[in-house]
């Protein structure tokens, strides 16, 4: 990912399966659907199809929720002071 990619830091934390307390504390503050999609897709590695089946959602709902969840996580990490806005 490029340095200017707005999803860079939260995405890297997720991809590395970061187990830090800060990440999980931020996740707990997200909407339930956002949290579930991030955990299933990025932490546990489920496919869009499998995530949709688990949640009882359509695949398009999983994709659109994930699209909104990553920026929401980034915003929460900034709000909580775990990352700085100028680094995202």
PDB file of N, CA and C in Angstrom:
ATOM      1  N   UNK A   1       0.827  -1.177   0.000  1.00  0.00           N
ATOM      2  CA  UNK A   1       0.000   0.000   0.000  1.00  0.00           C
ATOM      3  C   UNK A   1       0.869   1.237   0.000  1.00  0.00           C
ATOM      4  N   UNK A   2       0.388   2.257  -0.640  1.00  0.00           N
ATOM      5  CA  UNK A   2       1.168   3.485  -0.679  1.00  0.00           C
ATOM      6  C   UNK A   2       1.067   4.208   0.647  1.00  0.00           C
ATOM      7  N   UNK A   3       2.024   5.062   0.876  1.00  0.00           N
ATOM      8  CA  UNK A   3       2.065   5.813   2.121  1.00  0.00           C
ATOM      9  C   UNK A   3       0.867   6.753   2.255  1.00  0.00           C
ATOM     10  N   UNK A   4       0.305   7.173   1.130  1.00  0.00           N
ATOM     11  CA  UNK A   4      -0.811   8.104   1.165  1.00  0.00           C
ATOM     12  C   UNK A   4      -2.170   7.413   1.177  1.00  0.00           C
ATOM     13  N   UNK A   5      -2.199   6.097   1.134  1.00  0.00           N
ATOM     14  CA  UNK A   5      -3.454   5.350   1.164  1.00  0.00           C
ATOM     15  C   UNK A   5      -4.131   5.591   2.510  1.00  0.00           C
ATOM     16  N   UNK A   6      -5.382   6.110   2.489  1.00  0.00           N
ATOM     17  CA  UNK A   6      -6.048   6.428   3.759  1.00  0.00           C
ATOM     18  C   UNK A   6      -6.367   5.210   4.622  1.00  0.00           C
ATOM     19  N   UNK A   7      -6.365   4.016   4.041  1.00  0.00           N
ATOM     20  CA  UNK A   7      -6.639   2.811   4.827  1.00  0.00           C
ATOM     21  C   UNK A   7      -5.366   2.160   5.339  1.00  0.00           C
ATOM     22  N   UNK A   8      -4.240   2.759   5.109  1.00  0.00           N
ATOM     23  CA  UNK A   8      -2.940   2.147   5.355  1.00  0.00           C
ATOM     24  C   UNK A   8      -2.774   1.584   6.763  1.00  0.00           C
ATOM     25  N   UNK A   9      -2.844   2.405   7.781  1.00  0.00           N
ATOM     26  CA  UNK A   9      -2.550   1.913   9.129  1.00  0.00           C
ATOM     27  C   UNK A   9      -3.570   0.923   9.657  1.00  0.00           C
ATOM     28  N   UNK A  10      -4.869   1.215   9.651  1.00  0.00           N
ATOM     29  CA  UNK A  10      -5.775   0.200  10.172  1.00  0.00           C
ATOM     30  C   UNK A  10      -5.743  -1.065   9.333  1.00  0.00           C
ATOM     31  N   UNK A  11      -5.593  -0.923   8.034  1.00  0.00           N
ATOM     32  CA  UNK A  11      -5.548  -2.096   7.169  1.00  0.00           C
ATOM     33  C   UNK A  11      -4.320  -2.943   7.486  1.00  0.00           C
ATOM     34  N   UNK A  12      -3.169  -2.297   7.669  1.00  0.00           N
ATOM     35  CA  UNK A  12      -1.954  -3.044   8.008  1.00  0.00           C
ATOM     36  C   UNK A  12      -2.107  -3.749   9.348  1.00  0.00           C
ATOM     37  N   UNK A  13      -2.724  -3.077  10.319  1.00  0.00           N
ATOM     38  CA  UNK A  13      -2.914  -3.696  11.628  1.00  0.00           C
ATOM     39  C   UNK A  13      -3.775  -4.939  11.491  1.00  0.00           C
ATOM     40  N   UNK A  14      -4.806  -4.857  10.680  1.00  0.00           N
ATOM     41  CA  UNK A  14      -5.698  -5.998  10.488  1.00  0.00           C
ATOM     42  C   UNK A  14      -4.979  -7.103   9.737  1.00  0.00           C
ATOM     43  N   UNK A  15      -4.317  -6.764   8.650  1.00  0.00           N
ATOM     44  CA  UNK A  15      -3.653  -7.773   7.844  1.00  0.00           C
ATOM     45  C   UNK A  15      -2.589  -8.526   8.635  1.00  0.00           C
ATOM     46  N   UNK A  16      -1.956  -7.855   9.523  1.00  0.00           N
ATOM     47  CA  UNK A  16      -0.936  -8.493  10.357  1.00  0.00           C
ATOM     48  C   UNK A  16      -1.560  -9.243  11.526  1.00  0.00           C
ATOM     49  N   UNK A  17      -2.892  -9.254  11.560  1.00  0.00           N
ATOM     50  CA  UNK A  17      -3.634  -9.893  12.657  1.00  0.00           C
ATOM     51  C   UNK A  17      -3.139  -9.386  14.017  1.00  0.00           C
ATOM     52  N   UNK A  18      -2.988  -8.068  14.041  1.00  0.00           N
ATOM     53  CA  UNK A  18      -2.530  -7.382  15.247  1.00  0.00           C
ATOM     54  C   UNK A  18      -3.419  -7.760  16.421  1.00  0.00           C
ATOM     55  N   UNK A  19      -2.821  -8.187  17.486  1.00  0.00           N
ATOM     56  CA  UNK A  19      -3.604  -8.588  18.655  1.00  0.00           C
ATOM     57  C   UNK A  19      -3.524  -7.547  19.766  1.00  0.00           C
ATOM     58  N   UNK A  20      -3.147  -6.347  19.402  1.00  0.00           N
ATOM     59  CA  UNK A  20      -2.980  -5.327  20.432  1.00  0.00           C
ATOM     60  C   UNK A  20      -4.307  -4.970  21.085  1.00  0.00           C
ATOM     61  N   UNK A  21      -4.229  -4.638  22.295  1.00  0.00           N
ATOM     62  CA  UNK A  21      -5.380  -4.211  23.068  1.00  0.00           C
ATOM     63  C   UNK A  21      -6.052  -3.008  22.421  1.00  0.00           C
ATOM     64  N   UNK A  22      -5.258  -2.099  21.865  1.00  0.00           N
ATOM     65  CA  UNK A  22      -5.796  -0.893  21.252  1.00  0.00           C
ATOM     66  C   UNK A  22      -6.734  -1.212  20.094  1.00  0.00           C
ATOM     67  N   UNK A  23      -6.343  -2.143  19.245  1.00  0.00           N
ATOM     68  CA  UNK A  23      -7.178  -2.507  18.104  1.00  0.00           C
ATOM     69  C   UNK A  23      -8.506  -3.070  18.579  1.00  0.00           C
ATOM     70  N   UNK A  24      -8.466  -3.982  19.527  1.00  0.00           N
ATOM     71  CA  UNK A  24      -9.698  -4.592  20.006  1.00  0.00           C
ATOM     72  C   UNK A  24     -10.567  -3.609  20.780  1.00  0.00           C
ATOM     73  N   UNK A  25      -9.943  -2.674  21.473  1.00  0.00           N
ATOM     74  CA  UNK A  25     -10.730  -1.647  22.163  1.00  0.00           C
ATOM     75  C   UNK A  25     -11.436  -0.760  21.139  1.00  0.00           C
ATOM     76  N   UNK A  26     -10.751  -0.414  20.068  1.00  0.00           N
ATOM     77  CA  UNK A  26     -11.367   0.394  19.009  1.00  0.00           C
ATOM     78  C   UNK A  26     -12.485  -0.383  18.322  1.00  0.00           C
ATOM     79  N   UNK A  27     -12.257  -1.652  18.060  1.00  0.00           N
ATOM     80  CA  UNK A  27     -13.286  -2.483  17.422  1.00  0.00           C
ATOM     81  C   UNK A  27     -14.554  -2.556  18.272  1.00  0.00           C
ATOM     82  N   UNK A  28     -14.392  -2.632  19.570  1.00  0.00           N
ATOM     83  CA  UNK A  28     -15.548  -2.723  20.467  1.00  0.00           C
ATOM     84  C   UNK A  28     -16.422  -1.475  20.407  1.00  0.00           C
ATOM     85  N   UNK A  29     -15.874  -0.364  19.985  1.00  0.00           N
ATOM     86  CA  UNK A  29     -16.628   0.891  19.922  1.00  0.00           C
ATOM     87  C   UNK A  29     -17.337   1.080  18.589  1.00  0.00           C
ATOM     88  N   UNK A  30     -17.087   0.203  17.626  1.00  0.00           N
ATOM     89  CA  UNK A  30     -17.737   0.305  16.323  1.00  0.00           C
ATOM     90  C   UNK A  30     -19.151  -0.263  16.380  1.00  0.00           C
ATOM     91  N   UNK A  31     -19.933   0.070  15.350  1.00  0.00           N
ATOM     92  CA  UNK A  31     -21.247  -0.549  15.198  1.00  0.00           C
ATOM     93  C   UNK A  31     -21.060  -2.054  15.140  1.00  0.00           C
ATOM     94  N   UNK A  32     -22.045  -2.764  15.603  1.00  0.00           N
ATOM     95  CA  UNK A  32     -21.980  -4.218  15.655  1.00  0.00           C
ATOM     96  C   UNK A  32     -21.660  -4.828  14.285  1.00  0.00           C
ATOM     97  N   UNK A  33     -22.342  -4.372  13.258  1.00  0.00           N
ATOM     98  CA  UNK A  33     -22.115  -4.911  11.912  1.00  0.00           C
ATOM     99  C   UNK A  33     -20.704  -4.645  11.411  1.00  0.00           C
ATOM    100  N   UNK A  34     -20.193  -3.447  11.666  1.00  0.00           N
ATOM    101  CA  UNK A  34     -18.825  -3.114  11.259  1.00  0.00           C
ATOM    102  C   UNK A  34     -17.832  -4.023  11.952  1.00  0.00           C
ATOM    103  N   UNK A  35     -18.016  -4.182  13.248  1.00  0.00           N
ATOM    104  CA  UNK A  35     -17.104  -5.028  14.030  1.00  0.00           C
ATOM    105  C   UNK A  35     -17.129  -6.469  13.528  1.00  0.00           C
ATOM    106  N   UNK A  36     -18.327  -7.005  13.310  1.00  0.00           N
ATOM    107  CA  UNK A  36     -18.435  -8.382  12.858  1.00  0.00           C
ATOM    108  C   UNK A  36     -17.763  -8.590  11.503  1.00  0.00           C
ATOM    109  N   UNK A  37     -17.996  -7.672  10.579  1.00  0.00           N
ATOM    110  CA  UNK A  37     -17.407  -7.815   9.243  1.00  0.00           C
ATOM    111  C   UNK A  37     -15.883  -7.748   9.314  1.00  0.00           C
ATOM    112  N   UNK A  38     -15.338  -6.810  10.064  1.00  0.00           N
ATOM    113  CA  UNK A  38     -13.876  -6.712  10.181  1.00  0.00           C
ATOM    114  C   UNK A  38     -13.310  -7.977  10.810  1.00  0.00           C
ATOM    115  N   UNK A  39     -13.922  -8.433  11.870  1.00  0.00           N
ATOM    116  CA  UNK A  39     -13.407  -9.634  12.543  1.00  0.00           C
ATOM    117  C   UNK A  39     -13.485 -10.866  11.638  1.00  0.00           C
ATOM    118  N   UNK A  40     -14.603 -11.055  10.979  1.00  0.00           N
ATOM    119  CA  UNK A  40     -14.753 -12.231  10.125  1.00  0.00           C
ATOM    120  C   UNK A  40     -13.871 -12.159   8.883  1.00  0.00           C
ATOM    121  N   UNK A  41     -13.880 -11.003   8.209  1.00  0.00           N
ATOM    122  CA  UNK A  41     -13.153 -10.893   6.944  1.00  0.00           C
ATOM    123  C   UNK A  41     -11.649 -10.725   7.142  1.00  0.00           C
ATOM    124  N   UNK A  42     -11.262  -9.809   8.013  1.00  0.00           N
ATOM    125  CA  UNK A  42      -9.849  -9.429   8.099  1.00  0.00           C
ATOM    126  C   UNK A  42      -9.072 -10.167   9.176  1.00  0.00           C
ATOM    127  N   UNK A  43      -9.697 -10.459  10.283  1.00  0.00           N
ATOM    128  CA  UNK A  43      -8.983 -11.139  11.360  1.00  0.00           C
ATOM    129  C   UNK A  43      -9.053 -12.649  11.173  1.00  0.00           C
ATOM    130  N   UNK A  44     -10.262 -13.160  10.925  1.00  0.00           N
ATOM    131  CA  UNK A  44     -10.409 -14.610  10.784  1.00  0.00           C
ATOM    132  C   UNK A  44     -10.228 -15.097   9.356  1.00  0.00           C
ATOM    133  N   UNK A  45     -10.233 -14.192   8.389  1.00  0.00           N
ATOM    134  CA  UNK A  45      -9.922 -14.551   7.011  1.00  0.00           C
ATOM    135  C   UNK A  45     -11.031 -15.211   6.211  1.00  0.00           C
ATOM    136  N   UNK A  46     -12.290 -15.042   6.615  1.00  0.00           N
ATOM    137  CA  UNK A  46     -13.387 -15.619   5.857  1.00  0.00           C
ATOM    138  C   UNK A  46     -13.583 -14.874   4.535  1.00  0.00           C
ATOM    139  N   UNK A  47     -14.067 -15.568   3.540  1.00  0.00           N
ATOM    140  CA  UNK A  47     -14.385 -14.949   2.255  1.00  0.00           C
ATOM    141  C   UNK A  47     -15.655 -14.108   2.401  1.00  0.00           C
ATOM    142  N   UNK A  48     -15.921 -13.305   1.376  1.00  0.00           N
ATOM    143  CA  UNK A  48     -17.156 -12.521   1.369  1.00  0.00           C
ATOM    144  C   UNK A  48     -18.355 -13.468   1.426  1.00  0.00           C
ATOM    145  N   UNK A  49     -18.303 -14.513   0.641  1.00  0.00           N
ATOM    146  CA  UNK A  49     -19.410 -15.478   0.591  1.00  0.00           C
ATOM    147  C   UNK A  49     -19.635 -16.134   1.952  1.00  0.00           C
ATOM    148  N   UNK A  50     -18.559 -16.595   2.587  1.00  0.00           N
ATOM    149  CA  UNK A  50     -18.682 -17.238   3.895  1.00  0.00           C
ATOM    150  C   UNK A  50     -19.174 -16.253   4.953  1.00  0.00           C
ATOM    151  N   UNK A  51     -18.669 -15.025   4.900  1.00  0.00           N
ATOM    152  CA  UNK A  51     -19.101 -13.998   5.850  1.00  0.00           C
ATOM    153  C   UNK A  51     -20.594 -13.725   5.686  1.00  0.00           C
ATOM    154  N   UNK A  52     -21.041 -13.640   4.436  1.00  0.00           N
ATOM    155  CA  UNK A  52     -22.457 -13.418   4.168  1.00  0.00           C
ATOM    156  C   UNK A  52     -23.298 -14.555   4.742  1.00  0.00           C
ATOM    157  N   UNK A  53     -22.849 -15.772   4.563  1.00  0.00           N
ATOM    158  CA  UNK A  53     -23.567 -16.933   5.092  1.00  0.00           C
ATOM    159  C   UNK A  53     -23.630 -16.890   6.621  1.00  0.00           C
ATOM    160  N   UNK A  54     -22.504 -16.604   7.253  1.00  0.00           N
ATOM    161  CA  UNK A  54     -22.433 -16.556   8.716  1.00  0.00           C
ATOM    162  C   UNK A  54     -23.378 -15.494   9.279  1.00  0.00           C
ATOM    163  N   UNK A  55     -23.378 -14.325   8.641  1.00  0.00           N
ATOM    164  CA  UNK A  55     -24.180 -13.210   9.146  1.00  0.00           C
ATOM    165  C   UNK A  55     -25.623 -13.226   8.641  1.00  0.00           C
ATOM    166  N   UNK A  56     -25.899 -14.072   7.643  1.00  0.00           N
ATOM    167  CA  UNK A  56     -27.235 -14.082   7.055  1.00  0.00           C
ATOM    168  C   UNK A  56     -27.496 -12.855   6.202  1.00  0.00           C
ATOM    169  N   UNK A  57     -26.433 -12.320   5.596  1.00  0.00           N
ATOM    170  CA  UNK A  57     -26.501 -11.120   4.764  1.00  0.00           C
ATOM    171  C   UNK A  57     -26.250 -11.495   3.316  1.00  0.00           C
ATOM    172  N   UNK A  58     -26.506 -10.548   2.417  1.00  0.00           N
ATOM    173  CA  UNK A  58     -26.112 -10.724   1.022  1.00  0.00           C
ATOM    174  C   UNK A  58     -24.618 -10.407   0.910  1.00  0.00           C
ATOM    175  N   UNK A  59     -24.006 -10.900  -0.143  1.00  0.00           N
ATOM    176  CA  UNK A  59     -22.588 -10.596  -0.360  1.00  0.00           C
ATOM    177  C   UNK A  59     -22.383  -9.103  -0.566  1.00  0.00           C
ATOM    178  N   UNK A  60     -23.317  -8.450  -1.242  1.00  0.00           N
ATOM    179  CA  UNK A  60     -23.169  -7.010  -1.478  1.00  0.00           C
ATOM    180  C   UNK A  60     -23.243  -6.227  -0.161  1.00  0.00           C
ATOM    181  N   UNK A  61     -24.051  -6.702   0.788  1.00  0.00           N
ATOM    182  CA  UNK A  61     -24.111  -6.026   2.089  1.00  0.00           C
ATOM    183  C   UNK A  61     -22.788  -6.199   2.835  1.00  0.00           C
ATOM    184  N   UNK A  62     -22.190  -7.373   2.748  1.00  0.00           N
ATOM    185  CA  UNK A  62     -20.891  -7.587   3.382  1.00  0.00           C
ATOM    186  C   UNK A  62     -19.859  -6.627   2.781  1.00  0.00           C
ATOM    187  N   UNK A  63     -19.825  -6.534   1.465  1.00  0.00           N
ATOM    188  CA  UNK A  63     -18.854  -5.659   0.787  1.00  0.00           C
ATOM    189  C   UNK A  63     -19.066  -4.201   1.151  1.00  0.00           C
ATOM    190  N   UNK A  64     -20.313  -3.747   1.134  1.00  0.00           N
ATOM    191  CA  UNK A  64     -20.564  -2.329   1.434  1.00  0.00           C
ATOM    192  C   UNK A  64     -20.299  -2.023   2.904  1.00  0.00           C
ATOM    193  N   UNK A  65     -20.613  -2.962   3.788  1.00  0.00           N
ATOM    194  CA  UNK A  65     -20.334  -2.752   5.211  1.00  0.00           C
ATOM    195  C   UNK A  65     -18.837  -2.704   5.459  1.00  0.00           C
ATOM    196  N   UNK A  66     -18.094  -3.594   4.811  1.00  0.00           N
ATOM    197  CA  UNK A  66     -16.636  -3.580   4.953  1.00  0.00           C
ATOM    198  C   UNK A  66     -16.059  -2.270   4.435  1.00  0.00           C
ATOM    199  N   UNK A  67     -16.607  -1.779   3.324  1.00  0.00           N
ATOM    200  CA  UNK A  67     -16.150  -0.520   2.728  1.00  0.00           C
ATOM    201  C   UNK A  67     -16.309   0.640   3.719  1.00  0.00           C
ATOM    202  N   UNK A  68     -17.368   0.622   4.516  1.00  0.00           N
ATOM    203  CA  UNK A  68     -17.595   1.677   5.515  1.00  0.00           C
ATOM    204  C   UNK A  68     -16.887   1.373   6.837  1.00  0.00           C
ATOM    205  N   UNK A  69     -16.661   0.106   7.136  1.00  0.00           N
ATOM    206  CA  UNK A  69     -16.100  -0.280   8.431  1.00  0.00           C
ATOM    207  C   UNK A  69     -14.629   0.114   8.582  1.00  0.00           C
ATOM    208  N   UNK A  70     -13.850  -0.021   7.513  1.00  0.00           N
ATOM    209  CA  UNK A  70     -12.417   0.302   7.609  1.00  0.00           C
ATOM    210  C   UNK A  70     -12.209   1.781   7.946  1.00  0.00           C
ATOM    211  N   UNK A  71     -12.869   2.721   7.245  1.00  0.00           N
ATOM    212  CA  UNK A  71     -12.720   4.125   7.644  1.00  0.00           C
ATOM    213  C   UNK A  71     -13.258   4.404   9.055  1.00  0.00           C
ATOM    214  N   UNK A  72     -14.310   3.697   9.455  1.00  0.00           N
ATOM    215  CA  UNK A  72     -14.844   3.876  10.807  1.00  0.00           C
ATOM    216  C   UNK A  72     -13.815   3.427  11.849  1.00  0.00           C
ATOM    217  N   UNK A  73     -13.121   2.335  11.567  1.00  0.00           N
ATOM    218  CA  UNK A  73     -12.071   1.867  12.471  1.00  0.00           C
ATOM    219  C   UNK A  73     -10.936   2.873  12.523  1.00  0.00           C
ATOM    220  N   UNK A  74     -10.533   3.380  11.363  1.00  0.00           N
ATOM    221  CA  UNK A  74      -9.472   4.393  11.318  1.00  0.00           C
ATOM    222  C   UNK A  74      -9.866   5.604  12.151  1.00  0.00           C
ATOM    223  N   UNK A  75     -11.092   6.076  11.979  1.00  0.00           N
ATOM    224  CA  UNK A  75     -11.577   7.238  12.724  1.00  0.00           C
ATOM    225  C   UNK A  75     -11.558   6.963  14.227  1.00  0.00           C
ATOM    226  N   UNK A  76     -11.956   5.766  14.628  1.00  0.00           N
ATOM    227  CA  UNK A  76     -11.973   5.418  16.054  1.00  0.00           C
ATOM    228  C   UNK A  76     -10.549   5.340  16.613  1.00  0.00           C
ATOM    229  N   UNK A  77      -9.626   4.791  15.842  1.00  0.00           N
ATOM    230  CA  UNK A  77      -8.228   4.722  16.285  1.00  0.00           C
ATOM    231  C   UNK A  77      -7.645   6.119  16.469  1.00  0.00           C
ATOM    232  N   UNK A  78      -8.000   7.041  15.579  1.00  0.00           N
ATOM    233  CA  UNK A  78      -7.551   8.433  15.711  1.00  0.00           C
ATOM    234  C   UNK A  78      -8.191   9.063  16.943  1.00  0.00           C
ATOM    235  N   UNK A  79      -9.498   8.888  17.084  1.00  0.00           N
ATOM    236  CA  UNK A  79     -10.230   9.469  18.213  1.00  0.00           C
ATOM    237  C   UNK A  79      -9.666   8.995  19.546  1.00  0.00           C
ATOM    238  N   UNK A  80      -9.313   7.721  19.625  1.00  0.00           N
ATOM    239  CA  UNK A  80      -8.775   7.159  20.857  1.00  0.00           C
ATOM    240  C   UNK A  80      -7.294   7.479  21.066  1.00  0.00           C
ATOM    241  N   UNK A  81      -6.669   8.103  20.069  1.00  0.00           N
ATOM    242  CA  UNK A  81      -5.273   8.500  20.208  1.00  0.00           C
ATOM    243  C   UNK A  81      -4.277   7.377  19.914  1.00  0.00           C
ATOM    244  N   UNK A  82      -4.726   6.315  19.287  1.00  0.00           N
ATOM    245  CA  UNK A  82      -3.824   5.199  18.981  1.00  0.00           C
ATOM    246  C   UNK A  82      -3.020   5.442  17.716  1.00  0.00           C
ATOM    247  N   UNK A  83      -3.581   6.217  16.808  1.00  0.00           N
ATOM    248  CA  UNK A  83      -2.836   6.657  15.626  1.00  0.00           C
ATOM    249  C   UNK A  83      -3.120   8.135  15.451  1.00  0.00           C
ATOM    250  N   UNK A  84      -2.221   8.819  14.760  1.00  0.00           N
ATOM    251  CA  UNK A  84      -2.383  10.250  14.547  1.00  0.00           C
ATOM    252  C   UNK A  84      -2.959  10.495  13.176  1.00  0.00           C
ATOM    253  N   UNK A  85      -3.855  11.456  13.102  1.00  0.00           N
ATOM    254  CA  UNK A  85      -4.571  11.751  11.868  1.00  0.00           C
ATOM    255  C   UNK A  85      -3.640  12.007  10.699  1.00  0.00           C
ATOM    256  N   UNK A  86      -2.524  12.673  10.926  1.00  0.00           N
ATOM    257  CA  UNK A  86      -1.623  12.964   9.817  1.00  0.00           C
ATOM    258  C   UNK A  86      -0.897  11.720   9.296  1.00  0.00           C
ATOM    259  N   UNK A  87      -0.955  10.603  10.018  1.00  0.00           N
ATOM    260  CA  UNK A  87      -0.302   9.383   9.549  1.00  0.00           C
ATOM    261  C   UNK A  87      -1.238   8.503   8.733  1.00  0.00           C
ATOM    262  N   UNK A  88      -2.516   8.853   8.686  1.00  0.00           N
ATOM    263  CA  UNK A  88      -3.475   8.044   7.919  1.00  0.00           C
ATOM    264  C   UNK A  88      -3.882   8.709   6.642  1.00  0.00           C
TER     265      UNK A  88
END
